[in-house]
Amino acid sequence: MSDPTAPATVIDLAEARRDRLHDIHEARLLEVRKAFEKAFPLPEPPPKKPRSKKKSRKR
């Protein structure tokens, strides 16, 4: 009798390649995004003023 062993894991090379390319593109995108933010910083939004509640007039 043979011992039940785990079946050999099949590696999908196409999926592994897609993952690597995704990681490379993601790193490049983050690098470009940081450079863009450094060159063109977004202005800080002005502080919001608290709204005063107006009393409605009854008709």
C-alpha atoms as a PDB file:
ATOM      1  CA  MET A   1       0.000   0.000   0.000  1.00  0.00           C
ATOM      2  CA  SER A   2       1.189   3.462  -0.767  1.00  0.00           C
ATOM      3  CA  ASP A   3       0.928   6.311   1.676  1.00  0.00           C
ATOM      4  CA  PRO A   4      -1.530   9.019   0.690  1.00  0.00           C
ATOM      5  CA  THR A   5       0.592  12.047  -0.053  1.00  0.00           C
ATOM      6  CA  ALA A   6      -0.390  15.511  -1.130  1.00  0.00           C
ATOM      7  CA  PRO A   7      -0.669  15.801  -4.884  1.00  0.00           C
ATOM      8  CA  ALA A   8       2.073  17.729  -6.609  1.00  0.00           C
ATOM      9  CA  THR A   9       1.261  21.409  -6.822  1.00  0.00           C
ATOM     10  CA  VAL A  10       0.921  22.628 -10.362  1.00  0.00           C
ATOM     11  CA  ILE A  11       2.331  26.083 -10.922  1.00  0.00           C
ATOM     12  CA  ASP A  12       0.557  28.218 -13.468  1.00  0.00           C
ATOM     13  CA  LEU A  13       3.446  30.047 -15.110  1.00  0.00           C
ATOM     14  CA  ALA A  14       1.160  32.439 -16.974  1.00  0.00           C
ATOM     15  CA  GLU A  15      -0.484  33.515 -13.725  1.00  0.00           C
ATOM     16  CA  ALA A  16       2.898  33.912 -12.030  1.00  0.00           C
ATOM     17  CA  ARG A  17       4.041  36.104 -14.927  1.00  0.00           C
ATOM     18  CA  ARG A  18       0.870  38.229 -14.698  1.00  0.00           C
ATOM     19  CA  ASP A  19       1.469  38.693 -10.975  1.00  0.00           C
ATOM     20  CA  ARG A  20       5.067  39.795 -11.533  1.00  0.00           C
ATOM     21  CA  LEU A  21       4.072  42.224 -14.279  1.00  0.00           C
ATOM     22  CA  HIS A  22       1.292  43.591 -12.089  1.00  0.00           C
ATOM     23  CA  ASP A  23       3.785  44.187  -9.257  1.00  0.00           C
ATOM     24  CA  ILE A  24       6.221  45.903 -11.647  1.00  0.00           C
ATOM     25  CA  HIS A  25       3.519  48.138 -13.102  1.00  0.00           C
ATOM     26  CA  GLU A  26       2.123  48.931  -9.663  1.00  0.00           C
ATOM     27  CA  ALA A  27       5.582  49.976  -8.421  1.00  0.00           C
ATOM     28  CA  ARG A  28       6.058  52.184 -11.496  1.00  0.00           C
ATOM     29  CA  LEU A  29       2.619  53.732 -11.004  1.00  0.00           C
ATOM     30  CA  LEU A  30       3.386  54.569  -7.367  1.00  0.00           C
ATOM     31  CA  GLU A  31       6.707  56.105  -8.392  1.00  0.00           C
ATOM     32  CA  VAL A  32       5.054  58.303 -11.035  1.00  0.00           C
ATOM     33  CA  ARG A  33       2.259  59.240  -8.608  1.00  0.00           C
ATOM     34  CA  LYS A  34       4.781  60.362  -5.968  1.00  0.00           C
ATOM     35  CA  ALA A  35       6.703  62.414  -8.547  1.00  0.00           C
ATOM     36  CA  PHE A  36       3.469  64.028  -9.740  1.00  0.00           C
ATOM     37  CA  GLU A  37       2.385  64.884  -6.201  1.00  0.00           C
ATOM     38  CA  LYS A  38       5.807  66.393  -5.534  1.00  0.00           C
ATOM     39  CA  ALA A  39       5.683  68.509  -8.707  1.00  0.00           C
ATOM     40  CA  PHE A  40       2.016  69.512  -8.395  1.00  0.00           C
ATOM     41  CA  PRO A  41       0.936  69.397  -4.756  1.00  0.00           C
ATOM     42  CA  LEU A  42      -2.774  69.579  -4.132  1.00  0.00           C
ATOM     43  CA  PRO A  43      -3.852  72.667  -2.195  1.00  0.00           C
ATOM     44  CA  GLU A  44      -5.208  72.134   1.271  1.00  0.00           C
ATOM     45  CA  PRO A  45      -8.991  72.460   1.393  1.00  0.00           C
ATOM     46  CA  PRO A  46     -10.184  75.516   3.335  1.00  0.00           C
ATOM     47  CA  PRO A  47     -11.549  74.792   6.804  1.00  0.00           C
ATOM     48  CA  LYS A  48     -15.301  74.361   6.838  1.00  0.00           C
ATOM     49  CA  LYS A  49     -17.344  76.848   8.777  1.00  0.00           C
ATOM     50  CA  PRO A  50     -20.055  75.451  11.014  1.00  0.00           C
ATOM     51  CA  ARG A  51     -23.466  76.188   9.569  1.00  0.00           C
ATOM     52  CA  SER A  52     -25.970  77.966  11.703  1.00  0.00           C
ATOM     53  CA  LYS A  53     -29.404  76.458  11.665  1.00  0.00           C
ATOM     54  CA  LYS A  54     -32.039  78.856  10.496  1.00  0.00           C
ATOM     55  CA  LYS A  55     -35.472  78.727  12.016  1.00  0.00           C
ATOM     56  CA  SER A  56     -38.088  78.071   9.416  1.00  0.00           C
ATOM     57  CA  ARG A  57     -41.061  80.351   9.268  1.00  0.00           C
ATOM     58  CA  LYS A  58     -44.466  78.807   9.665  1.00  0.00           C
ATOM     59  CA  ARG A  59     -46.971  79.648   6.970  1.00  0.00           C
END
